[in-house]
Amino acid sequence: MRHPIDLEALGTLFDHRVAPTAALLHVGLTAPLVESRCRPGGPWQRLLPGILLLSRAGPSRTQLVHASLMYAGEGAMLTAFDALCLHGMKSAIPLLGAIHVLAPRRSRALGYGALRVERTDRLPRPVVRRGFHVAPLERAAIDAVRRTKSIPDTKAILEEVSHFVGAQALRTELALAPTRGTALARKLLGESPARQLERAVMERRPLSVPSARVPMAVG
């Protein structure tokens, strides 16, 4: 018996053919039907819990990004490498890396597969790039360099982004970021001796303050 809903055309109703299961049930599909179409070899596939791709092809990076934001829920935004790419930065190539999403502290979303969800009380105001909510350029850059140990990659990202927002904007964002994974960025950005001393006092560890002025340019 033919289903009253054209299942083959259903994907065209959703951006990037990515749909939440709840939306499919809302339009009249049954849970057993959805489940059957997501079985191995079926026409649909599960990308994340409760998020489906209404196609057997792919998924593309864009579809994974869309699914990640949909899964993370209201208030979520893209950051790090994918956000840098959407900002037009050439120094970030995220094709094989994890998708990093910022979400409100109240969010129940968890990391899943290639998705990294960072729940935080320090959410910036997002900007829209190619239809996606993304973190501002300086936040995306710092979140990206927190996840790389490569000196050339870190330097390339900081240099390119500083051309658009200025090194001081990056230093300000860096001062608010977690210390883990930021040592290289702090060195390249030339964090001031005063800020180093302040951080040392807060962390209650000894520090020798350099007498020479720390260079202010990246690298």
N, C-alpha and C. Protein backbone atom coordinates (compact mmCIF):
# COMPACT_ATOMS: atom_id res chain seq x y z
N MET A 1 0.84 -1.19 0.00
CA MET A 1 0.00 0.00 0.00
C MET A 1 0.89 1.25 0.00
N ARG A 2 0.59 2.17 -0.90
CA ARG A 2 1.38 3.39 -1.01
C ARG A 2 1.08 4.31 0.16
N HIS A 3 2.17 4.86 0.77
CA HIS A 3 2.00 5.76 1.90
C HIS A 3 1.45 7.10 1.38
N PRO A 4 0.52 7.71 2.12
CA PRO A 4 -0.07 8.98 1.65
C PRO A 4 0.94 10.11 1.54
N ILE A 5 2.07 10.00 2.21
CA ILE A 5 3.14 11.00 2.11
C ILE A 5 4.19 10.50 1.12
N ASP A 6 4.60 11.34 0.21
CA ASP A 6 5.64 10.96 -0.75
C ASP A 6 6.98 10.90 -0.03
N LEU A 7 7.38 9.71 0.36
CA LEU A 7 8.59 9.54 1.17
C LEU A 7 9.85 9.89 0.41
N GLU A 8 9.83 9.70 -0.90
CA GLU A 8 11.02 10.00 -1.69
C GLU A 8 11.25 11.51 -1.79
N ALA A 9 10.17 12.28 -1.77
CA ALA A 9 10.29 13.74 -1.89
C ALA A 9 10.36 14.43 -0.54
N LEU A 10 10.20 13.68 0.53
CA LEU A 10 10.12 14.29 1.86
C LEU A 10 11.39 15.06 2.22
N GLY A 11 12.53 14.57 1.76
CA GLY A 11 13.79 15.22 2.10
C GLY A 11 13.89 16.65 1.60
N THR A 12 13.18 16.97 0.52
CA THR A 12 13.25 18.32 -0.03
C THR A 12 12.59 19.36 0.88
N LEU A 13 11.82 18.90 1.86
CA LEU A 13 11.16 19.83 2.78
C LEU A 13 12.09 20.30 3.89
N PHE A 14 13.24 19.66 4.03
CA PHE A 14 14.16 19.97 5.14
C PHE A 14 15.48 20.48 4.59
N ASP A 15 16.01 21.51 5.24
CA ASP A 15 17.31 22.06 4.83
C ASP A 15 18.38 20.98 4.84
N HIS A 16 19.10 20.87 3.74
CA HIS A 16 20.19 19.91 3.60
C HIS A 16 19.73 18.46 3.77
N ARG A 17 18.43 18.25 3.67
CA ARG A 17 17.82 16.91 3.82
C ARG A 17 18.05 16.32 5.22
N VAL A 18 18.28 17.17 6.19
CA VAL A 18 18.50 16.74 7.58
C VAL A 18 17.24 17.03 8.38
N ALA A 19 16.72 16.01 9.07
CA ALA A 19 15.44 16.17 9.77
C ALA A 19 15.47 15.53 11.15
N PRO A 20 14.85 16.17 12.13
CA PRO A 20 14.70 15.52 13.44
C PRO A 20 13.60 14.47 13.35
N THR A 21 13.78 13.39 14.06
CA THR A 21 12.77 12.33 14.07
C THR A 21 11.42 12.88 14.51
N ALA A 22 11.42 13.78 15.47
CA ALA A 22 10.16 14.34 15.98
C ALA A 22 9.38 15.03 14.87
N ALA A 23 10.07 15.70 13.95
CA ALA A 23 9.38 16.38 12.86
C ALA A 23 8.74 15.37 11.91
N LEU A 24 9.39 14.25 11.68
CA LEU A 24 8.83 13.22 10.80
C LEU A 24 7.59 12.59 11.42
N LEU A 25 7.64 12.37 12.71
CA LEU A 25 6.46 11.83 13.39
C LEU A 25 5.33 12.85 13.38
N HIS A 26 5.67 14.11 13.45
CA HIS A 26 4.66 15.17 13.48
C HIS A 26 3.88 15.24 12.16
N VAL A 27 4.56 14.96 11.05
CA VAL A 27 3.86 15.03 9.75
C VAL A 27 3.11 13.74 9.42
N GLY A 28 3.15 12.76 10.32
CA GLY A 28 2.32 11.59 10.13
C GLY A 28 3.02 10.27 9.95
N LEU A 29 4.37 10.26 9.92
CA LEU A 29 5.07 8.99 9.81
C LEU A 29 5.03 8.27 11.16
N THR A 30 5.11 6.96 11.12
CA THR A 30 5.12 6.18 12.35
C THR A 30 6.55 5.84 12.73
N ALA A 31 6.77 5.57 14.00
CA ALA A 31 8.10 5.21 14.47
C ALA A 31 8.64 3.95 13.78
N PRO A 32 7.81 2.88 13.61
CA PRO A 32 8.30 1.69 12.90
C PRO A 32 8.71 1.99 11.46
N LEU A 33 7.97 2.89 10.79
CA LEU A 33 8.32 3.23 9.40
C LEU A 33 9.66 3.96 9.35
N VAL A 34 9.85 4.92 10.25
CA VAL A 34 11.12 5.64 10.30
C VAL A 34 12.26 4.69 10.58
N GLU A 35 12.03 3.78 11.52
CA GLU A 35 13.07 2.82 11.89
C GLU A 35 13.42 1.93 10.70
N SER A 36 12.43 1.49 9.97
CA SER A 36 12.67 0.59 8.84
C SER A 36 13.48 1.27 7.74
N ARG A 37 13.25 2.56 7.53
CA ARG A 37 13.97 3.27 6.48
C ARG A 37 15.41 3.61 6.87
N CYS A 38 15.72 3.47 8.16
CA CYS A 38 17.08 3.76 8.64
C CYS A 38 17.92 2.50 8.82
N ARG A 39 17.37 1.35 8.44
CA ARG A 39 18.14 0.12 8.56
C ARG A 39 19.25 0.08 7.53
N PRO A 40 20.32 -0.70 7.77
CA PRO A 40 21.42 -0.79 6.80
C PRO A 40 20.90 -1.08 5.39
N GLY A 41 21.35 -0.27 4.45
CA GLY A 41 20.90 -0.41 3.08
C GLY A 41 19.63 0.35 2.75
N GLY A 42 19.01 0.97 3.78
CA GLY A 42 17.79 1.72 3.59
C GLY A 42 18.04 3.09 3.00
N PRO A 43 16.97 3.81 2.67
CA PRO A 43 17.11 5.11 2.00
C PRO A 43 17.50 6.27 2.92
N TRP A 44 17.38 6.07 4.24
CA TRP A 44 17.73 7.12 5.19
C TRP A 44 18.84 6.63 6.11
N GLN A 45 19.42 7.54 6.86
CA GLN A 45 20.47 7.16 7.81
C GLN A 45 20.46 8.06 9.04
N ARG A 46 20.87 7.50 10.16
CA ARG A 46 20.96 8.27 11.40
C ARG A 46 22.31 8.96 11.46
N LEU A 47 22.28 10.26 11.73
CA LEU A 47 23.52 11.02 11.89
C LEU A 47 23.87 11.21 13.36
N LEU A 48 22.86 11.55 14.15
CA LEU A 48 23.01 11.78 15.58
C LEU A 48 21.73 11.31 16.25
N PRO A 49 21.72 11.15 17.57
CA PRO A 49 20.48 10.74 18.23
C PRO A 49 19.32 11.68 17.90
N GLY A 50 18.29 11.12 17.28
CA GLY A 50 17.11 11.90 16.96
C GLY A 50 17.23 12.75 15.71
N ILE A 51 18.35 12.63 14.99
CA ILE A 51 18.59 13.44 13.79
C ILE A 51 18.90 12.50 12.62
N LEU A 52 18.14 12.64 11.54
CA LEU A 52 18.27 11.76 10.39
C LEU A 52 18.69 12.52 9.14
N LEU A 53 19.35 11.80 8.24
CA LEU A 53 19.63 12.30 6.90
C LEU A 53 18.70 11.55 5.95
N LEU A 54 17.84 12.28 5.26
CA LEU A 54 16.85 11.65 4.38
C LEU A 54 17.47 11.41 3.01
N SER A 55 18.55 10.66 3.02
CA SER A 55 19.26 10.30 1.80
C SER A 55 20.20 9.15 2.13
N ARG A 56 20.46 8.31 1.15
CA ARG A 56 21.44 7.24 1.37
C ARG A 56 22.84 7.69 0.99
N ALA A 57 22.97 8.85 0.36
CA ALA A 57 24.28 9.37 -0.02
C ALA A 57 24.86 10.22 1.10
N GLY A 58 26.15 10.48 0.99
CA GLY A 58 26.80 11.37 1.97
C GLY A 58 27.07 10.65 3.28
N PRO A 59 27.06 11.38 4.38
CA PRO A 59 26.72 12.79 4.52
C PRO A 59 27.88 13.72 4.16
N SER A 60 27.55 14.89 3.69
CA SER A 60 28.55 15.91 3.43
C SER A 60 28.92 16.60 4.73
N ARG A 61 29.99 17.39 4.70
CA ARG A 61 30.37 18.14 5.90
C ARG A 61 29.27 19.12 6.28
N THR A 62 28.66 19.75 5.27
CA THR A 62 27.58 20.70 5.55
C THR A 62 26.41 20.02 6.24
N GLN A 63 26.07 18.83 5.80
CA GLN A 63 24.98 18.08 6.43
C GLN A 63 25.33 17.69 7.86
N LEU A 64 26.57 17.33 8.10
CA LEU A 64 26.99 16.98 9.46
C LEU A 64 26.96 18.21 10.38
N VAL A 65 27.39 19.35 9.84
CA VAL A 65 27.34 20.59 10.62
C VAL A 65 25.90 20.94 10.97
N HIS A 66 25.02 20.87 9.99
CA HIS A 66 23.61 21.19 10.22
C HIS A 66 23.00 20.24 11.26
N ALA A 67 23.31 18.96 11.14
CA ALA A 67 22.81 17.98 12.10
C ALA A 67 23.35 18.26 13.50
N SER A 68 24.61 18.65 13.59
CA SER A 68 25.22 18.92 14.89
C SER A 68 24.54 20.09 15.59
N LEU A 69 24.28 21.16 14.87
CA LEU A 69 23.62 22.31 15.47
C LEU A 69 22.18 21.98 15.84
N MET A 70 21.51 21.20 15.01
CA MET A 70 20.14 20.80 15.31
C MET A 70 20.10 19.94 16.57
N TYR A 71 21.05 19.03 16.69
CA TYR A 71 21.11 18.15 17.85
C TYR A 71 21.44 18.93 19.13
N ALA A 72 22.37 19.89 19.04
CA ALA A 72 22.78 20.66 20.21
C ALA A 72 21.67 21.57 20.72
N GLY A 73 20.76 21.97 19.86
CA GLY A 73 19.57 22.68 20.30
C GLY A 73 19.68 24.19 20.29
N GLU A 74 18.66 24.83 20.83
CA GLU A 74 18.55 26.28 20.83
C GLU A 74 19.73 26.92 21.55
N GLY A 75 20.27 27.96 20.95
CA GLY A 75 21.39 28.67 21.55
C GLY A 75 22.75 28.14 21.15
N ALA A 76 22.80 27.00 20.47
CA ALA A 76 24.08 26.41 20.08
C ALA A 76 24.65 27.14 18.88
N MET A 77 25.97 27.07 18.76
CA MET A 77 26.64 27.70 17.62
C MET A 77 27.91 26.93 17.30
N LEU A 78 28.34 27.06 16.09
CA LEU A 78 29.56 26.41 15.62
C LEU A 78 30.77 27.23 16.02
N THR A 79 31.87 26.55 16.37
CA THR A 79 33.10 27.25 16.67
C THR A 79 34.28 26.46 16.11
N ALA A 80 35.48 26.91 16.39
CA ALA A 80 36.72 26.26 15.96
C ALA A 80 36.82 26.19 14.43
N PHE A 81 37.28 25.07 13.90
CA PHE A 81 37.68 25.00 12.49
C PHE A 81 36.53 25.20 11.50
N ASP A 82 35.40 24.58 11.75
CA ASP A 82 34.28 24.76 10.83
C ASP A 82 33.80 26.20 10.83
N ALA A 83 33.80 26.83 12.00
CA ALA A 83 33.39 28.23 12.07
C ALA A 83 34.38 29.11 11.32
N LEU A 84 35.67 28.83 11.47
CA LEU A 84 36.67 29.61 10.74
C LEU A 84 36.48 29.49 9.23
N CYS A 85 36.18 28.30 8.78
CA CYS A 85 35.92 28.11 7.34
C CYS A 85 34.71 28.91 6.89
N LEU A 86 33.66 28.91 7.70
CA LEU A 86 32.47 29.67 7.33
C LEU A 86 32.73 31.17 7.38
N HIS A 87 33.70 31.60 8.18
CA HIS A 87 34.10 33.00 8.20
C HIS A 87 34.97 33.34 6.99
N GLY A 88 35.37 32.32 6.23
CA GLY A 88 36.19 32.56 5.05
C GLY A 88 37.68 32.46 5.27
N MET A 89 38.10 31.93 6.42
CA MET A 89 39.53 31.80 6.70
C MET A 89 40.11 30.63 5.91
N LYS A 90 41.25 30.86 5.30
CA LYS A 90 41.90 29.84 4.48
C LYS A 90 42.83 28.93 5.28
N SER A 91 43.14 29.32 6.51
CA SER A 91 44.10 28.58 7.32
C SER A 91 43.49 27.37 8.02
N ALA A 92 42.17 27.23 7.98
CA ALA A 92 41.49 26.14 8.69
C ALA A 92 40.94 25.14 7.70
N ILE A 93 41.33 23.89 7.87
CA ILE A 93 40.82 22.81 7.01
C ILE A 93 40.22 21.75 7.92
N PRO A 94 38.89 21.74 8.12
CA PRO A 94 38.28 20.87 9.13
C PRO A 94 37.77 19.53 8.60
N LEU A 95 38.08 19.19 7.35
CA LEU A 95 37.35 18.12 6.69
C LEU A 95 37.35 16.79 7.44
N LEU A 96 38.42 16.51 8.19
CA LEU A 96 38.50 15.23 8.88
C LEU A 96 38.41 15.38 10.40
N GLY A 97 38.37 16.59 10.89
CA GLY A 97 38.36 16.82 12.33
C GLY A 97 36.97 16.79 12.93
N ALA A 98 36.93 16.89 14.25
CA ALA A 98 35.65 16.91 14.96
C ALA A 98 34.93 18.23 14.70
N ILE A 99 33.61 18.19 14.78
CA ILE A 99 32.78 19.38 14.69
C ILE A 99 32.60 19.90 16.11
N HIS A 100 33.03 21.11 16.36
CA HIS A 100 33.04 21.69 17.71
C HIS A 100 31.88 22.66 17.82
N VAL A 101 30.97 22.40 18.76
CA VAL A 101 29.79 23.22 18.95
C VAL A 101 29.76 23.76 20.38
N LEU A 102 29.46 25.05 20.52
CA LEU A 102 29.23 25.64 21.83
C LEU A 102 27.74 25.58 22.13
N ALA A 103 27.39 25.21 23.35
CA ALA A 103 25.99 25.12 23.73
C ALA A 103 25.80 25.72 25.12
N PRO A 104 24.59 26.21 25.42
CA PRO A 104 24.33 26.74 26.76
C PRO A 104 24.56 25.68 27.83
N ARG A 105 24.92 26.11 29.01
CA ARG A 105 25.16 25.17 30.11
C ARG A 105 23.96 24.27 30.36
N ARG A 106 22.75 24.81 30.16
CA ARG A 106 21.54 24.04 30.43
C ARG A 106 21.29 22.93 29.40
N SER A 107 22.00 22.97 28.28
CA SER A 107 21.78 21.99 27.22
C SER A 107 22.07 20.57 27.72
N ARG A 108 21.30 19.64 27.24
CA ARG A 108 21.52 18.23 27.59
C ARG A 108 22.32 17.49 26.52
N ALA A 109 22.72 18.20 25.49
CA ALA A 109 23.47 17.57 24.40
C ALA A 109 24.83 17.10 24.89
N LEU A 110 25.25 15.96 24.39
CA LEU A 110 26.54 15.39 24.73
C LEU A 110 27.33 15.13 23.46
N GLY A 111 28.64 15.03 23.60
CA GLY A 111 29.46 14.68 22.46
C GLY A 111 29.06 13.31 21.93
N TYR A 112 29.14 13.17 20.61
CA TYR A 112 28.71 11.91 20.00
C TYR A 112 29.49 11.72 18.71
N GLY A 113 30.28 10.64 18.65
CA GLY A 113 31.05 10.40 17.44
C GLY A 113 32.02 11.54 17.17
N ALA A 114 31.89 12.14 15.99
CA ALA A 114 32.77 13.23 15.59
C ALA A 114 32.28 14.59 16.08
N LEU A 115 31.26 14.61 16.91
CA LEU A 115 30.72 15.87 17.43
C LEU A 115 31.29 16.14 18.82
N ARG A 116 31.82 17.34 19.00
CA ARG A 116 32.30 17.78 20.32
C ARG A 116 31.38 18.90 20.79
N VAL A 117 30.67 18.67 21.89
CA VAL A 117 29.78 19.69 22.45
C VAL A 117 30.43 20.28 23.69
N GLU A 118 30.64 21.58 23.68
CA GLU A 118 31.21 22.28 24.83
C GLU A 118 30.11 23.13 25.46
N ARG A 119 29.60 22.68 26.59
CA ARG A 119 28.57 23.44 27.30
C ARG A 119 29.26 24.50 28.15
N THR A 120 28.80 25.72 28.05
CA THR A 120 29.52 26.82 28.68
C THR A 120 28.57 27.93 29.13
N ASP A 121 28.99 28.65 30.16
CA ASP A 121 28.26 29.84 30.60
C ASP A 121 28.73 31.08 29.83
N ARG A 122 29.81 30.93 29.06
CA ARG A 122 30.39 32.07 28.36
C ARG A 122 30.11 31.95 26.86
N LEU A 123 28.84 32.07 26.52
CA LEU A 123 28.45 32.00 25.11
C LEU A 123 28.54 33.40 24.49
N PRO A 124 29.23 33.52 23.38
CA PRO A 124 29.26 34.82 22.71
C PRO A 124 27.98 35.02 21.90
N ARG A 125 27.80 36.23 21.41
CA ARG A 125 26.68 36.49 20.50
C ARG A 125 27.05 35.91 19.14
N PRO A 126 26.25 35.01 18.61
CA PRO A 126 26.63 34.38 17.33
C PRO A 126 26.45 35.32 16.15
N VAL A 127 27.14 34.99 15.08
CA VAL A 127 26.91 35.66 13.80
C VAL A 127 26.45 34.59 12.81
N VAL A 128 25.81 35.00 11.76
CA VAL A 128 25.29 34.06 10.78
C VAL A 128 26.20 34.04 9.56
N ARG A 129 26.67 32.85 9.21
CA ARG A 129 27.50 32.67 8.05
C ARG A 129 26.95 31.50 7.24
N ARG A 130 26.53 31.80 6.02
CA ARG A 130 25.96 30.79 5.12
C ARG A 130 24.80 30.04 5.77
N GLY A 131 24.03 30.76 6.55
CA GLY A 131 22.84 30.18 7.16
C GLY A 131 23.07 29.50 8.49
N PHE A 132 24.30 29.45 8.97
CA PHE A 132 24.62 28.78 10.23
C PHE A 132 25.00 29.80 11.30
N HIS A 133 24.62 29.53 12.55
CA HIS A 133 25.06 30.34 13.67
C HIS A 133 26.48 29.92 14.05
N VAL A 134 27.40 30.88 14.01
CA VAL A 134 28.79 30.57 14.32
C VAL A 134 29.31 31.57 15.34
N ALA A 135 30.34 31.15 16.08
CA ALA A 135 30.97 32.04 17.05
C ALA A 135 31.71 33.15 16.33
N PRO A 136 31.87 34.31 16.97
CA PRO A 136 32.67 35.39 16.37
C PRO A 136 34.07 34.89 16.03
N LEU A 137 34.71 35.60 15.11
CA LEU A 137 35.98 35.14 14.56
C LEU A 137 37.04 34.89 15.61
N GLU A 138 37.19 35.82 16.58
CA GLU A 138 38.24 35.64 17.59
C GLU A 138 37.97 34.44 18.49
N ARG A 139 36.69 34.19 18.83
CA ARG A 139 36.37 33.03 19.67
C ARG A 139 36.62 31.74 18.89
N ALA A 140 36.22 31.71 17.63
CA ALA A 140 36.43 30.52 16.80
C ALA A 140 37.92 30.21 16.68
N ALA A 141 38.73 31.26 16.53
CA ALA A 141 40.17 31.06 16.39
C ALA A 141 40.79 30.46 17.65
N ILE A 142 40.46 31.02 18.80
CA ILE A 142 41.02 30.51 20.05
C ILE A 142 40.54 29.09 20.33
N ASP A 143 39.26 28.81 20.05
CA ASP A 143 38.77 27.44 20.24
C ASP A 143 39.47 26.47 19.30
N ALA A 144 39.85 26.94 18.11
CA ALA A 144 40.56 26.08 17.17
C ALA A 144 41.99 25.79 17.64
N VAL A 145 42.71 26.82 18.06
CA VAL A 145 44.11 26.60 18.45
C VAL A 145 44.21 25.83 19.75
N ARG A 146 43.15 25.85 20.56
CA ARG A 146 43.14 25.00 21.77
C ARG A 146 43.19 23.53 21.41
N ARG A 147 42.81 23.20 20.17
CA ARG A 147 42.68 21.80 19.76
C ARG A 147 43.80 21.36 18.82
N THR A 148 44.81 22.20 18.63
CA THR A 148 45.92 21.78 17.77
C THR A 148 47.24 21.98 18.48
N LYS A 149 48.15 21.05 18.26
CA LYS A 149 49.48 21.14 18.84
C LYS A 149 50.51 21.54 17.78
N SER A 150 50.03 21.77 16.57
CA SER A 150 50.93 22.11 15.48
C SER A 150 51.30 23.59 15.54
N ILE A 151 52.60 23.88 15.61
CA ILE A 151 53.06 25.27 15.64
C ILE A 151 52.72 25.98 14.33
N PRO A 152 53.00 25.38 13.16
CA PRO A 152 52.66 26.07 11.91
C PRO A 152 51.16 26.34 11.77
N ASP A 153 50.32 25.36 12.14
CA ASP A 153 48.87 25.55 12.02
C ASP A 153 48.38 26.63 12.98
N THR A 154 48.87 26.59 14.21
CA THR A 154 48.47 27.59 15.19
C THR A 154 48.88 28.99 14.73
N LYS A 155 50.11 29.11 14.27
CA LYS A 155 50.60 30.41 13.83
C LYS A 155 49.81 30.91 12.63
N ALA A 156 49.50 30.01 11.69
CA ALA A 156 48.76 30.41 10.49
C ALA A 156 47.38 30.94 10.85
N ILE A 157 46.70 30.26 11.77
CA ILE A 157 45.35 30.69 12.18
C ILE A 157 45.41 32.04 12.87
N LEU A 158 46.33 32.20 13.82
CA LEU A 158 46.41 33.46 14.56
C LEU A 158 46.80 34.63 13.66
N GLU A 159 47.70 34.39 12.74
CA GLU A 159 48.14 35.46 11.84
C GLU A 159 47.00 35.88 10.91
N GLU A 160 46.28 34.90 10.36
CA GLU A 160 45.21 35.26 9.43
C GLU A 160 44.07 35.97 10.16
N VAL A 161 43.67 35.44 11.31
CA VAL A 161 42.55 36.04 12.04
C VAL A 161 42.91 37.43 12.57
N SER A 162 44.16 37.60 13.02
CA SER A 162 44.57 38.90 13.55
C SER A 162 44.53 39.97 12.47
N HIS A 163 44.64 39.57 11.22
CA HIS A 163 44.55 40.54 10.12
C HIS A 163 43.15 41.16 10.06
N PHE A 164 42.13 40.40 10.53
CA PHE A 164 40.75 40.88 10.45
C PHE A 164 40.27 41.51 11.77
N VAL A 165 40.69 40.96 12.90
CA VAL A 165 40.16 41.46 14.19
C VAL A 165 41.21 42.15 15.04
N GLY A 166 42.48 42.00 14.67
CA GLY A 166 43.56 42.58 15.46
C GLY A 166 44.06 41.61 16.52
N ALA A 167 45.35 41.69 16.82
CA ALA A 167 45.94 40.79 17.81
C ALA A 167 45.37 41.00 19.20
N GLN A 168 45.00 42.25 19.51
CA GLN A 168 44.48 42.53 20.86
C GLN A 168 43.16 41.81 21.11
N ALA A 169 42.31 41.71 20.10
CA ALA A 169 41.05 40.98 20.25
C ALA A 169 41.32 39.51 20.55
N LEU A 170 42.34 38.97 19.93
CA LEU A 170 42.72 37.58 20.20
C LEU A 170 43.27 37.43 21.61
N ARG A 171 44.07 38.40 22.05
CA ARG A 171 44.61 38.34 23.41
C ARG A 171 43.50 38.42 24.45
N THR A 172 42.52 39.28 24.19
CA THR A 172 41.40 39.42 25.11
C THR A 172 40.62 38.12 25.21
N GLU A 173 40.37 37.50 24.07
CA GLU A 173 39.65 36.22 24.07
C GLU A 173 40.47 35.14 24.74
N LEU A 174 41.77 35.17 24.51
CA LEU A 174 42.66 34.17 25.10
C LEU A 174 42.69 34.30 26.62
N ALA A 175 42.62 35.52 27.12
CA ALA A 175 42.64 35.74 28.57
C ALA A 175 41.43 35.12 29.25
N LEU A 176 40.32 34.97 28.52
CA LEU A 176 39.10 34.41 29.08
C LEU A 176 38.98 32.91 28.84
N ALA A 177 39.85 32.37 28.02
CA ALA A 177 39.77 30.96 27.63
C ALA A 177 40.38 30.06 28.71
N PRO A 178 40.01 28.78 28.73
CA PRO A 178 40.68 27.84 29.63
C PRO A 178 42.18 27.79 29.33
N THR A 179 42.99 27.54 30.34
CA THR A 179 44.43 27.52 30.13
C THR A 179 44.88 26.29 29.36
N ARG A 180 44.14 25.21 29.48
CA ARG A 180 44.55 23.96 28.82
C ARG A 180 44.57 24.14 27.30
N GLY A 181 45.68 23.79 26.70
CA GLY A 181 45.80 23.84 25.26
C GLY A 181 46.11 25.21 24.69
N THR A 182 46.40 26.20 25.55
CA THR A 182 46.59 27.56 25.04
C THR A 182 48.02 28.07 25.21
N ALA A 183 48.93 27.26 25.72
CA ALA A 183 50.29 27.73 25.98
C ALA A 183 50.96 28.24 24.71
N LEU A 184 50.81 27.50 23.62
CA LEU A 184 51.43 27.90 22.37
C LEU A 184 50.86 29.22 21.86
N ALA A 185 49.55 29.35 21.92
CA ALA A 185 48.91 30.58 21.47
C ALA A 185 49.36 31.77 22.31
N ARG A 186 49.48 31.58 23.61
CA ARG A 186 49.92 32.67 24.49
C ARG A 186 51.35 33.11 24.14
N LYS A 187 52.18 32.15 23.82
CA LYS A 187 53.55 32.48 23.45
C LYS A 187 53.58 33.25 22.13
N LEU A 188 52.81 32.78 21.16
CA LEU A 188 52.81 33.42 19.85
C LEU A 188 52.19 34.82 19.89
N LEU A 189 51.20 34.99 20.75
CA LEU A 189 50.54 36.28 20.84
C LEU A 189 51.26 37.25 21.77
N GLY A 190 52.29 36.75 22.47
CA GLY A 190 53.06 37.64 23.32
C GLY A 190 52.25 38.19 24.46
N GLU A 191 51.65 37.31 25.28
CA GLU A 191 50.87 37.77 26.43
C GLU A 191 51.76 38.62 27.33
N SER A 192 51.26 39.73 27.79
CA SER A 192 52.06 40.70 28.53
C SER A 192 52.56 40.12 29.86
N PRO A 193 53.72 40.60 30.35
CA PRO A 193 54.22 40.16 31.65
C PRO A 193 53.22 40.41 32.77
N ALA A 194 52.49 41.53 32.71
CA ALA A 194 51.50 41.83 33.74
C ALA A 194 50.42 40.76 33.78
N ARG A 195 49.97 40.35 32.60
CA ARG A 195 48.93 39.32 32.55
C ARG A 195 49.49 37.98 33.02
N GLN A 196 50.73 37.67 32.67
CA GLN A 196 51.34 36.43 33.14
C GLN A 196 51.44 36.43 34.66
N LEU A 197 51.83 37.58 35.25
CA LEU A 197 51.94 37.67 36.70
C LEU A 197 50.57 37.51 37.35
N GLU A 198 49.56 38.14 36.77
CA GLU A 198 48.20 38.02 37.31
C GLU A 198 47.74 36.57 37.28
N ARG A 199 48.02 35.87 36.17
CA ARG A 199 47.63 34.47 36.07
C ARG A 199 48.38 33.61 37.08
N ALA A 200 49.68 33.91 37.27
CA ALA A 200 50.48 33.15 38.22
C ALA A 200 49.95 33.29 39.63
N VAL A 201 49.55 34.51 40.01
CA VAL A 201 49.00 34.75 41.34
C VAL A 201 47.70 33.98 41.51
N MET A 202 46.85 34.02 40.47
CA MET A 202 45.57 33.31 40.54
C MET A 202 45.77 31.81 40.68
N GLU A 203 46.81 31.30 40.01
CA GLU A 203 47.06 29.86 40.05
C GLU A 203 48.00 29.47 41.19
N ARG A 204 48.51 30.49 41.91
CA ARG A 204 49.38 30.27 43.07
C ARG A 204 50.60 29.44 42.72
N ARG A 205 51.26 29.87 41.67
CA ARG A 205 52.51 29.20 41.28
C ARG A 205 53.57 30.26 41.03
N PRO A 206 54.86 29.94 41.25
CA PRO A 206 55.92 30.94 41.04
C PRO A 206 56.11 31.25 39.56
N LEU A 207 56.57 32.45 39.30
CA LEU A 207 56.81 32.86 37.92
C LEU A 207 57.90 33.91 37.91
N SER A 208 58.84 33.76 37.01
CA SER A 208 59.86 34.78 36.80
C SER A 208 59.38 35.72 35.71
N VAL A 209 59.15 36.96 36.07
CA VAL A 209 58.66 37.93 35.09
C VAL A 209 59.82 38.41 34.25
N PRO A 210 59.76 38.28 32.93
CA PRO A 210 60.88 38.72 32.09
C PRO A 210 61.04 40.23 32.15
N SER A 211 62.30 40.67 32.12
CA SER A 211 62.56 42.10 32.19
C SER A 211 62.39 42.76 30.83
N ALA A 212 62.64 42.00 29.76
CA ALA A 212 62.49 42.56 28.42
C ALA A 212 61.02 42.65 28.04
N ARG A 213 60.71 43.62 27.22
CA ARG A 213 59.32 43.78 26.78
C ARG A 213 58.94 42.64 25.85
N VAL A 214 57.78 42.07 26.07
CA VAL A 214 57.32 40.97 25.24
C VAL A 214 56.82 41.52 23.92
N PRO A 215 57.25 40.96 22.78
CA PRO A 215 56.77 41.48 21.49
C PRO A 215 55.28 41.36 21.36
N MET A 216 54.66 42.33 20.73
CA MET A 216 53.21 42.40 20.62
C MET A 216 52.67 41.79 19.34
N ALA A 217 53.53 41.52 18.37
CA ALA A 217 53.04 40.96 17.10
C ALA A 217 52.95 39.45 17.21
N VAL A 218 52.05 38.85 16.42
CA VAL A 218 51.91 37.39 16.41
C VAL A 218 53.17 36.77 15.87
N GLY A 219 53.63 35.72 16.53
CA GLY A 219 54.82 35.01 16.06
C GLY A 219 56.09 35.65 16.50
